[in-house]
Amino acid sequence: MVDVVIVGGGPTGLTAACLCERLGLEAIVLERRDRPQEAPAAHVVNARTFEIWRQAGMDMERILAAAHPPAEAGWVHFVTRLGGDIVGSLPFERQGDEMYGITPTPLRNLSQHHVVPILADHVRDLRHGHAFVAFEAGDDGVVVDVDGPDGRYRITADWLVAADGAASPVRRSLGIEMDGPRTIQSFLMIHLAGDLRPLTGAAPGVLHFLVDPEPGGVFVSHGADREWVFMHEWEPEHTSIDAYDDDRCRALVLAALAPGAAASVDFEVRDTAVWHMSAQVAREYHRDRVFLTGDAAHRFPPTGGLGLNSGVADAHNLIWKLAAVHAGWAPDTILETYEAERRPVAQFNCDQSLLNALGLAAVPAAFGFEHATQGTTAHIEDVLADPERRAAVQSAIAEQAIHFDLLGLQLGHTYDGPLVVDDGTTRPPLAEPARDYQPSTRPGGRLPHAWLPDGSSTLDLVDRAAPTILVRAGDERPTFAGGPPVVVADVPKAVWSDAFALEPGTALIVRPDQHVAARVRLAEVDETLASLFMPPEPT
């Protein structure tokens, strides 16, 4: 018998497993693949995900060393073809040093297939080549059937966590439906090994969108000097995937390069795969002792880089609650808050990602393209030679700015419900919630980051296994008559008044996931803790 079985060894499942181990839960991760995925997938790790991994005790030096520096991956370019004219450019998220005033770990371009092996090194029981088959849930636990290299076997656990991807066999076993469009667009992903820097020259970037619809697609840098992906628009109803052998894929890539550019680079087609863009959220996030996380719970368009990051935040929200129930300092009903808190966040992220994807159509529309046609190169040259029409194209590109500037979605999501005490204040007004972020200690939001005298962050004061009571240094510490385990930490007076904007005599009750649960007077801490976390007395 173990505490948690996690199905899926991607970023979400591995984060969940690492958190389980740090919080005293025994976890087994089942991964059907016999080795980590080697093909590129997600490539944006945002500030909040890094903060979660930091709190979970991951090797942040090694993780950040695998990321691409902002100088290499800080821009998005719209180009005629790769190596051709740059029609317009936009900053790719906020990666500059000024971000260290908001987070200890700013967003970076970090490929999923590069970071997963690092995360895996932190997990004690990761079983590659072991596939989930079925489960039976009862009042006392879950029995999971597994196909392993040596045959079928069973594991009994308290809980089952599904992190098994968009096709999620666990979700299908539960019969949980997805809301939203299943297929918006289909793509052929061509994984390239090669140095394409001669084509980007003095304008490196993470994304290079082709404005010419004839080759149609986008180049994604997973390491400009060695690894790229070409995402090519594909119509499965017209062309079978079997028609795309290595020679045809190579021809597609060559057609997406500027005339004469092929002579300056050498590359090989390493792998191909198909991918269907969806915008869906599961109707339910948990049933009895089974919980959905990551792509098993939501599927977003990639326009925003929110899939991996939302999954990691799912795990962060869920695992401390499982640990609290397991340790006996919170009632089973706390688990109901997982869906109530995380599903609205996923829906908001899904909606914004879809808006971003649909908004990109403004660029070909500004060129006058309705679909791919012959003679597009000459047409593009005519448009760009006309100052008025070129300005219209550049305006359409400028309209995509929010697509690549989603700090509000990274750090600004808030929770409400039974684990948050509303103090009657209103949220700071934001012109654009997806982009704008205003640090606040208002209950429900992430605790604001500020640097402490020892070089640590205020986020580091938060215990990952128990509620943390933050008080102003010099104030009287609260007393406790009983209740859940707590950690009390002092905050320097300057941070308390400036970064937190709080008066003396106030306390913050912060949940293990670094979200503020309550903002109360010191005398109210004990009673508030009991109301938030303690199981009701037996009748």
Protein backbone atom coordinates (compact mmCIF):
# COMPACT_ATOMS: atom_id res chain seq x y z
CA MET A 1 0.00 0.00 0.00
CA VAL A 2 1.30 3.42 -0.99
CA ASP A 3 -0.16 6.85 -0.47
CA VAL A 4 -0.35 8.05 -4.07
CA VAL A 5 -0.10 6.46 -7.51
CA ILE A 6 0.67 9.01 -10.21
CA VAL A 7 0.03 8.05 -13.83
CA GLY A 8 2.32 9.95 -16.18
CA GLY A 9 5.99 10.88 -15.96
CA GLY A 10 5.87 14.32 -17.57
CA PRO A 11 6.45 17.65 -15.81
CA THR A 12 3.11 17.56 -13.97
CA GLY A 13 3.46 13.99 -12.72
CA LEU A 14 7.09 14.41 -11.71
CA THR A 15 6.32 17.65 -9.87
CA ALA A 16 3.49 15.91 -8.04
CA ALA A 17 5.79 13.03 -7.09
CA CYS A 18 8.53 15.32 -5.84
CA LEU A 19 6.04 17.28 -3.74
CA CYS A 20 4.64 14.03 -2.34
CA GLU A 21 8.07 12.91 -1.18
CA ARG A 22 8.87 16.31 0.34
CA LEU A 23 5.54 16.27 2.21
CA GLY A 24 5.86 12.74 3.59
CA LEU A 25 3.71 10.88 1.09
CA GLU A 26 4.94 7.69 -0.56
CA ALA A 27 4.34 7.96 -4.30
CA ILE A 28 4.83 5.73 -7.33
CA VAL A 29 4.97 7.21 -10.84
CA LEU A 30 3.85 4.99 -13.71
CA GLU A 31 5.17 6.04 -17.13
CA ARG A 32 4.20 3.93 -20.12
CA ARG A 33 7.23 5.02 -22.17
CA ASP A 34 10.39 3.03 -21.52
CA ARG A 35 12.48 6.23 -21.44
CA PRO A 36 11.92 9.97 -21.18
CA GLN A 37 10.43 11.60 -24.26
CA GLU A 38 13.20 12.86 -26.53
CA ALA A 39 11.11 14.90 -28.96
CA PRO A 40 10.41 18.57 -28.18
CA ALA A 41 7.05 19.56 -26.74
CA ALA A 42 6.44 22.55 -24.46
CA HIS A 43 9.26 25.07 -24.32
CA VAL A 44 8.18 27.91 -22.02
CA VAL A 45 8.61 27.63 -18.24
CA ASN A 46 7.13 30.62 -16.49
CA ALA A 47 8.05 32.33 -13.25
CA ARG A 48 5.45 30.56 -11.14
CA THR A 49 6.56 27.11 -12.25
CA PHE A 50 10.16 27.90 -11.34
CA GLU A 51 8.96 29.19 -7.95
CA ILE A 52 7.12 25.91 -7.35
CA TRP A 53 10.14 23.81 -8.30
CA ARG A 54 12.27 26.03 -6.07
CA GLN A 55 9.97 25.43 -3.11
CA ALA A 56 9.89 21.70 -3.89
CA GLY A 57 13.67 21.50 -3.51
CA MET A 58 14.58 20.87 -7.13
CA ASP A 59 18.14 21.46 -8.34
CA MET A 60 17.47 24.98 -9.59
CA GLU A 61 21.06 25.61 -10.63
CA ARG A 62 20.93 22.63 -12.97
CA ILE A 63 17.42 23.48 -14.22
CA LEU A 64 18.26 27.10 -15.00
CA ALA A 65 21.51 26.07 -16.67
CA ALA A 66 19.43 24.10 -19.18
CA ALA A 67 17.36 27.18 -20.07
CA HIS A 68 18.13 29.51 -22.96
CA PRO A 69 19.36 33.00 -22.06
CA PRO A 70 17.05 35.95 -22.84
CA ALA A 71 19.56 37.27 -25.39
CA GLU A 72 18.94 34.10 -27.42
CA ALA A 73 15.22 33.60 -26.75
CA GLY A 74 13.84 37.03 -25.90
CA TRP A 75 12.10 37.88 -29.18
CA VAL A 76 9.38 36.72 -31.53
CA HIS A 77 9.81 37.57 -35.21
CA PHE A 78 7.38 37.57 -38.11
CA VAL A 79 9.40 36.82 -41.23
CA THR A 80 8.77 36.26 -44.90
CA ARG A 81 10.66 32.99 -44.57
CA LEU A 82 13.43 31.94 -42.20
CA GLY A 83 16.49 33.89 -43.24
CA GLY A 84 14.36 36.36 -45.17
CA ASP A 85 13.02 39.79 -44.29
CA ILE A 86 11.79 40.50 -40.77
CA VAL A 87 8.36 42.11 -41.09
CA GLY A 88 7.84 42.78 -37.38
CA SER A 89 9.12 41.74 -33.96
CA LEU A 90 7.76 41.54 -30.42
CA PRO A 91 9.40 40.90 -27.03
CA PHE A 92 8.90 37.36 -25.80
CA GLU A 93 7.54 37.76 -22.29
CA ARG A 94 9.42 39.68 -19.59
CA GLN A 95 12.81 38.12 -19.04
CA GLY A 96 14.94 41.11 -18.04
CA ASP A 97 16.68 41.76 -14.74
CA GLU A 98 13.84 44.07 -13.68
CA MET A 99 11.75 40.93 -13.16
CA TYR A 100 13.82 40.01 -10.11
CA GLY A 101 11.83 42.64 -8.22
CA ILE A 102 8.68 40.57 -8.85
CA THR A 103 9.94 36.98 -8.77
CA PRO A 104 13.16 35.20 -7.79
CA THR A 105 12.89 33.11 -10.97
CA PRO A 106 11.79 34.90 -14.17
CA LEU A 107 10.37 33.06 -17.17
CA ARG A 108 12.79 31.29 -19.45
CA ASN A 109 12.69 29.29 -22.67
CA LEU A 110 13.34 25.77 -21.38
CA SER A 111 12.38 22.75 -23.44
CA GLN A 112 10.29 20.10 -21.73
CA HIS A 113 12.39 17.23 -23.00
CA HIS A 114 15.48 18.87 -21.48
CA VAL A 115 14.00 19.53 -18.06
CA VAL A 116 12.11 16.24 -17.54
CA PRO A 117 15.28 14.16 -16.91
CA ILE A 118 16.32 16.70 -14.27
CA LEU A 119 12.97 16.47 -12.53
CA ALA A 120 13.09 12.68 -12.78
CA ASP A 121 16.32 12.59 -10.79
CA HIS A 122 14.37 13.93 -7.80
CA VAL A 123 11.78 11.13 -7.84
CA ARG A 124 12.45 7.98 -5.87
CA ASP A 125 10.05 5.51 -7.55
CA LEU A 126 9.63 6.31 -11.26
CA ARG A 127 8.71 3.24 -13.28
CA HIS A 128 9.38 3.59 -17.00
CA GLY A 129 7.69 1.01 -19.19
CA HIS A 130 4.85 0.51 -16.70
CA ALA A 131 1.46 1.33 -18.21
CA PHE A 132 -1.77 2.07 -16.38
CA VAL A 133 -4.50 -0.42 -17.31
CA ALA A 134 -7.47 0.14 -15.02
CA PHE A 135 -8.44 0.95 -11.46
CA GLU A 136 -11.09 0.16 -8.87
CA ALA A 137 -11.92 2.81 -6.28
CA GLY A 138 -13.45 2.03 -2.91
CA ASP A 139 -14.06 3.76 0.39
CA ASP A 140 -10.62 2.84 1.68
CA GLY A 141 -8.45 3.36 -1.39
CA VAL A 142 -7.75 2.69 -5.05
CA VAL A 143 -6.49 -0.52 -6.63
CA VAL A 144 -4.54 0.14 -9.84
CA ASP A 145 -3.80 -2.51 -12.48
CA VAL A 146 -0.45 -2.04 -14.22
CA ASP A 147 1.22 -3.66 -17.22
CA GLY A 148 4.95 -3.86 -16.50
CA PRO A 149 7.88 -5.40 -18.36
CA ASP A 150 7.44 -8.59 -16.33
CA GLY A 151 3.66 -8.81 -16.58
CA ARG A 152 0.59 -7.40 -14.94
CA TYR A 153 0.48 -6.45 -11.27
CA ARG A 154 -1.60 -4.38 -8.83
CA ILE A 155 -0.89 -1.43 -6.55
CA THR A 156 -3.15 -0.32 -3.73
CA ALA A 157 -3.05 3.37 -2.86
CA ASP A 158 -4.97 6.01 -0.96
CA TRP A 159 -5.26 8.22 -4.03
CA LEU A 160 -4.75 8.09 -7.79
CA VAL A 161 -3.47 11.20 -9.61
CA ALA A 162 -3.84 11.30 -13.39
CA ALA A 163 -1.06 13.21 -15.15
CA ASP A 164 -1.31 11.03 -18.22
CA GLY A 165 -1.76 13.60 -20.95
CA ALA A 166 -4.42 14.81 -23.33
CA ALA A 167 -5.71 11.32 -24.19
CA SER A 168 -5.73 10.37 -20.45
CA PRO A 169 -6.77 6.74 -20.04
CA VAL A 170 -7.63 7.55 -16.42
CA ARG A 171 -10.02 10.31 -17.44
CA ARG A 172 -11.60 8.03 -20.04
CA SER A 173 -12.02 5.33 -17.39
CA LEU A 174 -13.95 7.83 -15.28
CA GLY A 175 -16.10 8.85 -18.24
CA ILE A 176 -15.38 12.54 -17.65
CA GLU A 177 -16.14 14.68 -20.70
CA MET A 178 -14.15 17.66 -21.97
CA ASP A 179 -15.82 20.99 -22.73
CA GLY A 180 -14.61 22.99 -25.71
CA PRO A 181 -13.43 22.35 -29.29
CA ARG A 182 -11.46 19.14 -29.67
CA THR A 183 -9.67 20.04 -32.91
CA ILE A 184 -9.13 23.63 -34.00
CA GLN A 185 -6.17 23.04 -36.28
CA SER A 186 -3.70 20.25 -37.00
CA PHE A 187 0.07 20.47 -37.32
CA LEU A 188 2.96 18.35 -38.46
CA MET A 189 5.88 18.76 -36.05
CA ILE A 190 9.26 18.30 -37.71
CA HIS A 191 12.08 17.97 -35.20
CA LEU A 192 15.35 19.26 -36.63
CA ALA A 193 18.93 18.81 -35.50
CA GLY A 194 21.12 21.59 -36.79
CA ASP A 195 22.52 25.06 -36.29
CA LEU A 196 20.16 27.56 -37.93
CA ARG A 197 21.80 30.63 -36.44
CA PRO A 198 23.20 31.74 -39.82
CA LEU A 199 19.56 32.30 -40.85
CA THR A 200 18.61 34.39 -37.83
CA GLY A 201 21.76 36.50 -37.90
CA ALA A 202 21.68 39.45 -35.53
CA ALA A 203 18.01 38.85 -34.70
CA PRO A 204 17.82 35.61 -32.68
CA GLY A 205 14.48 34.64 -31.24
CA VAL A 206 12.44 31.80 -29.85
CA LEU A 207 9.66 31.94 -32.46
CA HIS A 208 9.83 32.79 -36.15
CA PHE A 209 6.36 32.98 -37.70
CA LEU A 210 6.27 32.73 -41.49
CA VAL A 211 3.98 35.33 -43.00
CA ASP A 212 4.10 33.49 -46.32
CA PRO A 213 1.22 30.97 -46.21
CA GLU A 214 2.66 28.83 -48.98
CA PRO A 215 5.29 27.14 -46.76
CA GLY A 216 3.03 27.91 -43.79
CA GLY A 217 4.23 27.44 -40.23
CA VAL A 218 6.51 28.58 -37.43
CA PHE A 219 10.08 27.76 -36.44
CA VAL A 220 10.59 27.17 -32.70
CA SER A 221 14.08 27.34 -31.24
CA HIS A 222 14.89 24.65 -28.68
CA GLY A 223 18.54 25.67 -28.78
CA ALA A 224 19.40 27.82 -31.78
CA ASP A 225 22.78 26.21 -32.28
CA ARG A 226 21.54 22.63 -32.29
CA GLU A 227 17.79 21.96 -32.16
CA TRP A 228 14.64 23.37 -33.76
CA VAL A 229 11.07 22.44 -34.53
CA PHE A 230 9.17 23.43 -37.65
CA MET A 231 5.44 23.39 -37.00
CA HIS A 232 3.75 23.03 -40.39
CA GLU A 233 0.03 23.46 -40.88
CA TRP A 234 -1.45 20.13 -41.91
CA GLU A 235 -4.89 19.13 -43.22
CA PRO A 236 -5.36 15.46 -42.31
CA GLU A 237 -8.51 15.19 -44.39
CA HIS A 238 -6.45 15.94 -47.51
CA THR A 239 -3.09 14.30 -46.84
CA SER A 240 -2.25 11.17 -44.89
CA ILE A 241 0.52 11.45 -42.33
CA ASP A 242 2.10 8.41 -43.98
CA ALA A 243 2.94 10.64 -46.95
CA TYR A 244 5.39 12.66 -44.84
CA ASP A 245 8.60 10.67 -44.94
CA ASP A 246 11.96 12.26 -44.08
CA ASP A 247 12.56 13.41 -47.66
CA ARG A 248 9.22 15.18 -47.87
CA CYS A 249 9.68 16.75 -44.45
CA ARG A 250 13.11 17.99 -45.45
CA ALA A 251 11.60 19.50 -48.59
CA LEU A 252 8.97 21.30 -46.48
CA VAL A 253 11.68 22.81 -44.28
CA LEU A 254 13.77 23.88 -47.28
CA ALA A 255 10.70 25.55 -48.80
CA ALA A 256 10.29 27.55 -45.57
CA LEU A 257 13.80 29.03 -45.90
CA ALA A 258 14.60 32.19 -47.80
CA PRO A 259 15.81 31.62 -51.39
CA GLY A 260 19.46 30.64 -51.33
CA ALA A 261 19.50 30.22 -47.54
CA ALA A 262 19.74 26.44 -47.60
CA ALA A 263 23.35 26.62 -48.68
CA SER A 264 24.32 28.29 -45.39
CA VAL A 265 22.93 25.63 -43.03
CA ASP A 266 22.93 21.91 -42.58
CA PHE A 267 20.26 20.01 -40.67
CA GLU A 268 18.75 16.58 -40.35
CA VAL A 269 15.16 15.54 -39.72
CA ARG A 270 15.32 13.75 -36.39
CA ASP A 271 11.66 12.98 -35.80
CA THR A 272 8.14 13.83 -36.91
CA ALA A 273 4.81 13.80 -35.10
CA VAL A 274 1.31 15.16 -35.52
CA TRP A 275 -0.41 17.47 -33.11
CA HIS A 276 -4.01 18.68 -32.90
CA MET A 277 -4.72 22.06 -31.33
CA SER A 278 -7.54 21.87 -28.77
CA ALA A 279 -9.14 24.22 -26.28
CA GLN A 280 -10.80 22.00 -23.68
CA VAL A 281 -11.30 21.79 -19.93
CA ALA A 282 -12.56 18.69 -18.10
CA ARG A 283 -16.04 19.00 -16.63
CA GLU A 284 -14.81 17.40 -13.42
CA TYR A 285 -11.36 17.50 -11.87
CA HIS A 286 -11.84 14.72 -9.39
CA ARG A 287 -14.12 11.90 -8.51
CA ASP A 288 -13.82 10.18 -5.15
CA ARG A 289 -10.14 9.28 -4.74
CA VAL A 290 -9.06 10.05 -8.31
CA PHE A 291 -7.77 13.47 -9.45
CA LEU A 292 -7.01 14.89 -12.89
CA THR A 293 -4.02 17.18 -13.40
CA GLY A 294 -2.18 18.77 -16.31
CA ASP A 295 -3.23 17.86 -19.84
CA ALA A 296 -5.53 15.18 -18.44
CA ALA A 297 -7.62 18.06 -17.05
CA HIS A 298 -7.12 20.74 -19.70
CA ARG A 299 -5.79 21.15 -23.25
CA PHE A 300 -4.81 24.59 -24.47
CA PRO A 301 -3.58 26.01 -27.76
CA PRO A 302 0.18 26.56 -27.42
CA THR A 303 -0.30 30.29 -27.97
CA GLY A 304 0.63 31.43 -24.48
CA GLY A 305 2.78 28.56 -23.26
CA LEU A 306 0.32 27.77 -20.48
CA GLY A 307 -0.12 23.99 -20.68
CA LEU A 308 2.95 22.73 -18.81
CA ASN A 309 2.81 25.62 -16.37
CA SER A 310 -0.86 25.11 -15.52
CA GLY A 311 -0.18 21.44 -14.88
CA VAL A 312 2.64 22.17 -12.44
CA ALA A 313 0.36 24.61 -10.58
CA ASP A 314 -2.34 21.89 -10.47
CA ALA A 315 0.08 19.58 -8.70
CA HIS A 316 1.16 22.33 -6.32
CA ASN A 317 -2.45 23.02 -5.35
CA LEU A 318 -3.40 19.36 -4.92
CA ILE A 319 -0.51 17.63 -3.19
CA TRP A 320 -0.35 19.75 -0.03
CA LYS A 321 -4.05 19.06 0.48
CA LEU A 322 -3.55 15.31 0.14
CA ALA A 323 -0.67 15.54 2.62
CA ALA A 324 -2.78 17.58 5.06
CA VAL A 325 -5.55 14.97 5.00
CA HIS A 326 -3.03 12.16 5.31
CA ALA A 327 -1.42 13.85 8.34
CA GLY A 328 -4.82 14.43 9.94
CA TRP A 329 -4.71 18.21 10.31
CA ALA A 330 -7.31 18.90 7.62
CA PRO A 331 -10.64 17.18 6.83
CA ASP A 332 -11.34 15.19 3.68
CA THR A 333 -13.54 18.05 2.49
CA ILE A 334 -10.42 20.11 1.77
CA LEU A 335 -9.96 17.95 -1.33
CA GLU A 336 -13.16 19.37 -2.80
CA THR A 337 -11.40 22.72 -3.13
CA TYR A 338 -8.96 21.37 -5.72
CA GLU A 339 -11.50 21.48 -8.54
CA ALA A 340 -13.15 24.64 -7.23
CA GLU A 341 -9.82 26.49 -7.22
CA ARG A 342 -8.03 25.11 -10.25
CA ARG A 343 -10.78 24.67 -12.84
CA PRO A 344 -11.59 28.41 -13.13
CA VAL A 345 -7.87 29.13 -13.60
CA ALA A 346 -7.67 26.53 -16.37
CA GLN A 347 -10.75 27.95 -18.07
CA PHE A 348 -9.28 31.47 -18.02
CA ASN A 349 -5.96 30.19 -19.37
CA CYS A 350 -7.76 28.17 -22.03
CA ASP A 351 -9.85 31.14 -23.15
CA GLN A 352 -6.81 33.42 -23.36
CA SER A 353 -4.80 30.83 -25.30
CA LEU A 354 -7.65 30.47 -27.77
CA LEU A 355 -7.92 34.25 -28.16
CA ASN A 356 -4.20 34.35 -28.87
CA ALA A 357 -4.47 31.62 -31.50
CA LEU A 358 -7.42 33.22 -33.25
CA GLY A 359 -5.80 36.64 -33.06
CA LEU A 360 -2.87 35.50 -35.17
CA ALA A 361 -5.23 35.41 -38.15
CA ALA A 362 -5.03 39.22 -38.22
CA VAL A 363 -1.53 39.03 -39.74
CA PRO A 364 -2.39 37.06 -42.93
CA ALA A 365 -5.60 39.09 -43.14
CA ALA A 366 -3.53 42.28 -43.25
CA PHE A 367 -1.67 40.80 -46.22
CA GLY A 368 -4.96 39.93 -47.89
CA PHE A 369 -4.48 36.18 -47.62
CA GLU A 370 -7.50 34.01 -47.01
CA HIS A 371 -5.65 30.76 -47.60
CA ALA A 372 -2.42 29.52 -49.11
CA THR A 373 -2.17 30.31 -52.82
CA GLN A 374 0.47 30.28 -55.53
CA GLY A 375 2.44 33.43 -56.10
CA THR A 376 2.47 34.49 -52.47
CA THR A 377 6.07 35.73 -52.55
CA ALA A 378 5.34 38.36 -55.18
CA HIS A 379 2.19 39.39 -53.35
CA ILE A 380 4.09 39.83 -50.06
CA GLU A 381 6.70 41.95 -51.80
CA ASP A 382 3.97 44.16 -53.26
CA VAL A 383 2.33 44.62 -49.84
CA LEU A 384 5.58 45.44 -48.07
CA ALA A 385 6.58 47.90 -50.79
CA ASP A 386 3.41 49.91 -50.14
CA PRO A 387 3.97 52.07 -47.00
CA GLU A 388 0.29 52.12 -46.08
CA ARG A 389 -0.23 48.39 -46.46
CA ARG A 390 3.07 47.63 -44.70
CA ALA A 391 1.93 49.79 -41.77
CA ALA A 392 -1.31 47.81 -41.62
CA VAL A 393 0.68 44.56 -41.43
CA GLN A 394 2.91 45.93 -38.68
CA SER A 395 -0.16 47.11 -36.79
CA ALA A 396 -1.62 43.60 -36.99
CA ILE A 397 1.64 42.22 -35.59
CA ALA A 398 1.63 44.78 -32.78
CA GLU A 399 -1.87 43.58 -31.84
CA GLN A 400 -0.31 40.21 -30.92
CA ALA A 401 1.72 41.76 -28.07
CA ILE A 402 -0.43 40.36 -25.25
CA HIS A 403 0.04 36.88 -26.71
CA PHE A 404 3.69 37.12 -25.64
CA ASP A 405 3.21 39.11 -22.44
CA LEU A 406 1.12 37.12 -19.97
CA LEU A 407 2.59 38.01 -16.59
CA GLY A 408 -0.90 38.26 -15.09
CA LEU A 409 -1.57 34.63 -15.97
CA GLN A 410 1.80 33.59 -14.56
CA LEU A 411 1.51 35.19 -11.13
CA GLY A 412 -1.88 36.81 -10.76
CA HIS A 413 -4.36 33.96 -10.41
CA THR A 414 -6.31 34.03 -7.17
CA TYR A 415 -8.45 31.54 -5.28
CA ASP A 416 -11.56 31.90 -3.20
CA GLY A 417 -13.77 29.51 -1.27
CA PRO A 418 -13.41 27.64 2.03
CA LEU A 419 -9.60 27.92 2.18
CA VAL A 420 -9.57 31.70 1.77
CA VAL A 421 -10.95 34.22 4.27
CA ASP A 422 -12.42 37.21 2.45
CA ASP A 423 -11.43 40.35 4.33
CA GLY A 424 -13.86 42.61 2.51
CA THR A 425 -11.29 44.28 0.27
CA THR A 426 -11.55 44.40 -3.51
CA ARG A 427 -9.00 43.18 -6.01
CA PRO A 428 -6.70 45.87 -7.43
CA PRO A 429 -8.24 47.01 -10.74
CA LEU A 430 -6.29 45.80 -13.77
CA ALA A 431 -6.74 47.03 -17.32
CA GLU A 432 -5.79 43.63 -18.73
CA PRO A 433 -5.78 40.77 -16.17
CA ALA A 434 -3.99 38.34 -18.50
CA ARG A 435 -1.06 40.72 -18.90
CA ASP A 436 -1.05 42.97 -15.85
CA TYR A 437 0.10 41.90 -12.40
CA GLN A 438 -0.15 43.86 -9.17
CA PRO A 439 1.45 42.20 -6.11
CA SER A 440 -0.92 42.15 -3.15
CA THR A 441 -1.38 40.37 0.16
CA ARG A 442 -5.12 40.24 -0.43
CA PRO A 443 -6.36 36.75 0.52
CA GLY A 444 -6.41 34.25 -2.33
CA GLY A 445 -3.41 35.58 -4.22
CA ARG A 446 0.21 34.48 -4.32
CA LEU A 447 2.31 35.99 -1.55
CA PRO A 448 4.32 38.90 -3.01
CA HIS A 449 8.00 38.29 -3.55
CA ALA A 450 10.55 40.61 -1.97
CA TRP A 451 14.22 40.05 -1.25
CA LEU A 452 15.22 39.56 2.39
CA PRO A 453 18.51 40.72 3.93
CA ASP A 454 20.02 37.22 3.70
CA GLY A 455 19.38 37.06 -0.07
CA SER A 456 16.35 34.77 0.19
CA SER A 457 12.81 35.59 -0.94
CA THR A 458 9.69 36.14 1.13
CA LEU A 459 8.38 33.07 -0.72
CA ASP A 460 11.11 31.05 1.02
CA LEU A 461 9.50 31.81 4.38
CA VAL A 462 6.51 29.65 3.46
CA ASP A 463 6.65 26.09 4.76
CA ARG A 464 5.71 23.52 2.11
CA ALA A 465 4.07 21.15 4.60
CA ALA A 466 2.13 23.38 7.00
CA PRO A 467 0.41 26.77 7.20
CA THR A 468 2.85 29.62 7.76
CA ILE A 469 2.04 32.63 9.95
CA LEU A 470 3.92 35.73 8.83
CA VAL A 471 4.19 38.57 11.33
CA ARG A 472 6.03 41.87 11.36
CA ALA A 473 9.43 41.64 13.07
CA GLY A 474 9.09 43.04 16.57
CA ASP A 475 5.36 42.34 16.85
CA GLU A 476 4.10 39.95 19.49
CA ARG A 477 3.86 36.44 18.18
CA PRO A 478 0.44 34.79 18.18
CA THR A 479 -0.35 31.97 20.61
CA PHE A 480 -2.11 28.77 19.67
CA ALA A 481 -4.53 26.70 21.72
CA GLY A 482 -4.24 23.76 19.34
CA GLY A 483 -5.06 23.13 15.74
CA PRO A 484 -2.92 22.38 12.70
CA PRO A 485 0.86 22.44 12.79
CA VAL A 486 2.11 25.93 11.96
CA VAL A 487 5.35 27.71 11.22
CA VAL A 488 5.75 31.31 12.40
CA ALA A 489 8.18 33.59 10.56
CA ASP A 490 9.19 37.20 11.07
CA VAL A 491 9.18 39.62 8.15
CA PRO A 492 11.49 42.66 8.27
CA LYS A 493 9.65 45.89 9.01
CA ALA A 494 10.62 47.51 5.71
CA VAL A 495 9.30 44.55 3.69
CA TRP A 496 6.15 44.46 5.82
CA SER A 497 5.31 48.09 5.14
CA ASP A 498 6.62 48.42 1.59
CA ALA A 499 6.24 45.12 -0.29
CA PHE A 500 3.30 43.87 1.79
CA ALA A 501 1.73 47.30 2.49
CA LEU A 502 0.56 46.10 5.93
CA GLU A 503 0.18 47.79 9.30
CA PRO A 504 1.74 46.53 12.54
CA GLY A 505 -0.41 44.09 14.49
CA THR A 506 -1.51 42.22 11.35
CA ALA A 507 -0.71 38.63 10.46
CA LEU A 508 -0.77 36.71 7.19
CA ILE A 509 -1.80 33.07 7.18
CA VAL A 510 -0.17 31.55 4.11
CA ARG A 511 -1.03 28.15 2.71
CA PRO A 512 1.71 25.66 1.80
CA ASP A 513 1.18 26.56 -1.89
CA GLN A 514 2.29 30.14 -1.09
CA HIS A 515 -1.20 31.61 -1.52
CA VAL A 516 -2.49 33.88 1.22
CA ALA A 517 -5.33 32.22 3.14
CA ALA A 518 -6.14 35.10 5.49
CA ARG A 519 -5.08 38.61 6.50
CA VAL A 520 -6.15 39.13 10.12
CA ARG A 521 -5.27 40.83 13.38
CA LEU A 522 -2.82 38.90 15.57
CA ALA A 523 -5.53 38.10 18.11
CA GLU A 524 -7.61 36.39 15.41
CA VAL A 525 -4.96 33.99 14.12
CA ASP A 526 -5.82 30.97 16.28
CA GLU A 527 -9.55 31.11 15.59
CA THR A 528 -8.97 31.67 11.86
CA LEU A 529 -6.60 28.72 11.58
CA ALA A 530 -9.14 26.42 13.21
CA SER A 531 -11.90 27.60 10.88
CA LEU A 532 -9.75 27.04 7.81
CA PHE A 533 -8.11 23.70 8.45
CA MET A 534 -9.29 21.75 11.47
CA PRO A 535 -11.65 18.78 11.08
CA PRO A 536 -14.99 19.25 12.83
CA GLU A 537 -15.36 17.68 16.24
CA PRO A 538 -17.03 14.25 16.11
CA THR A 539 -20.68 14.29 17.15
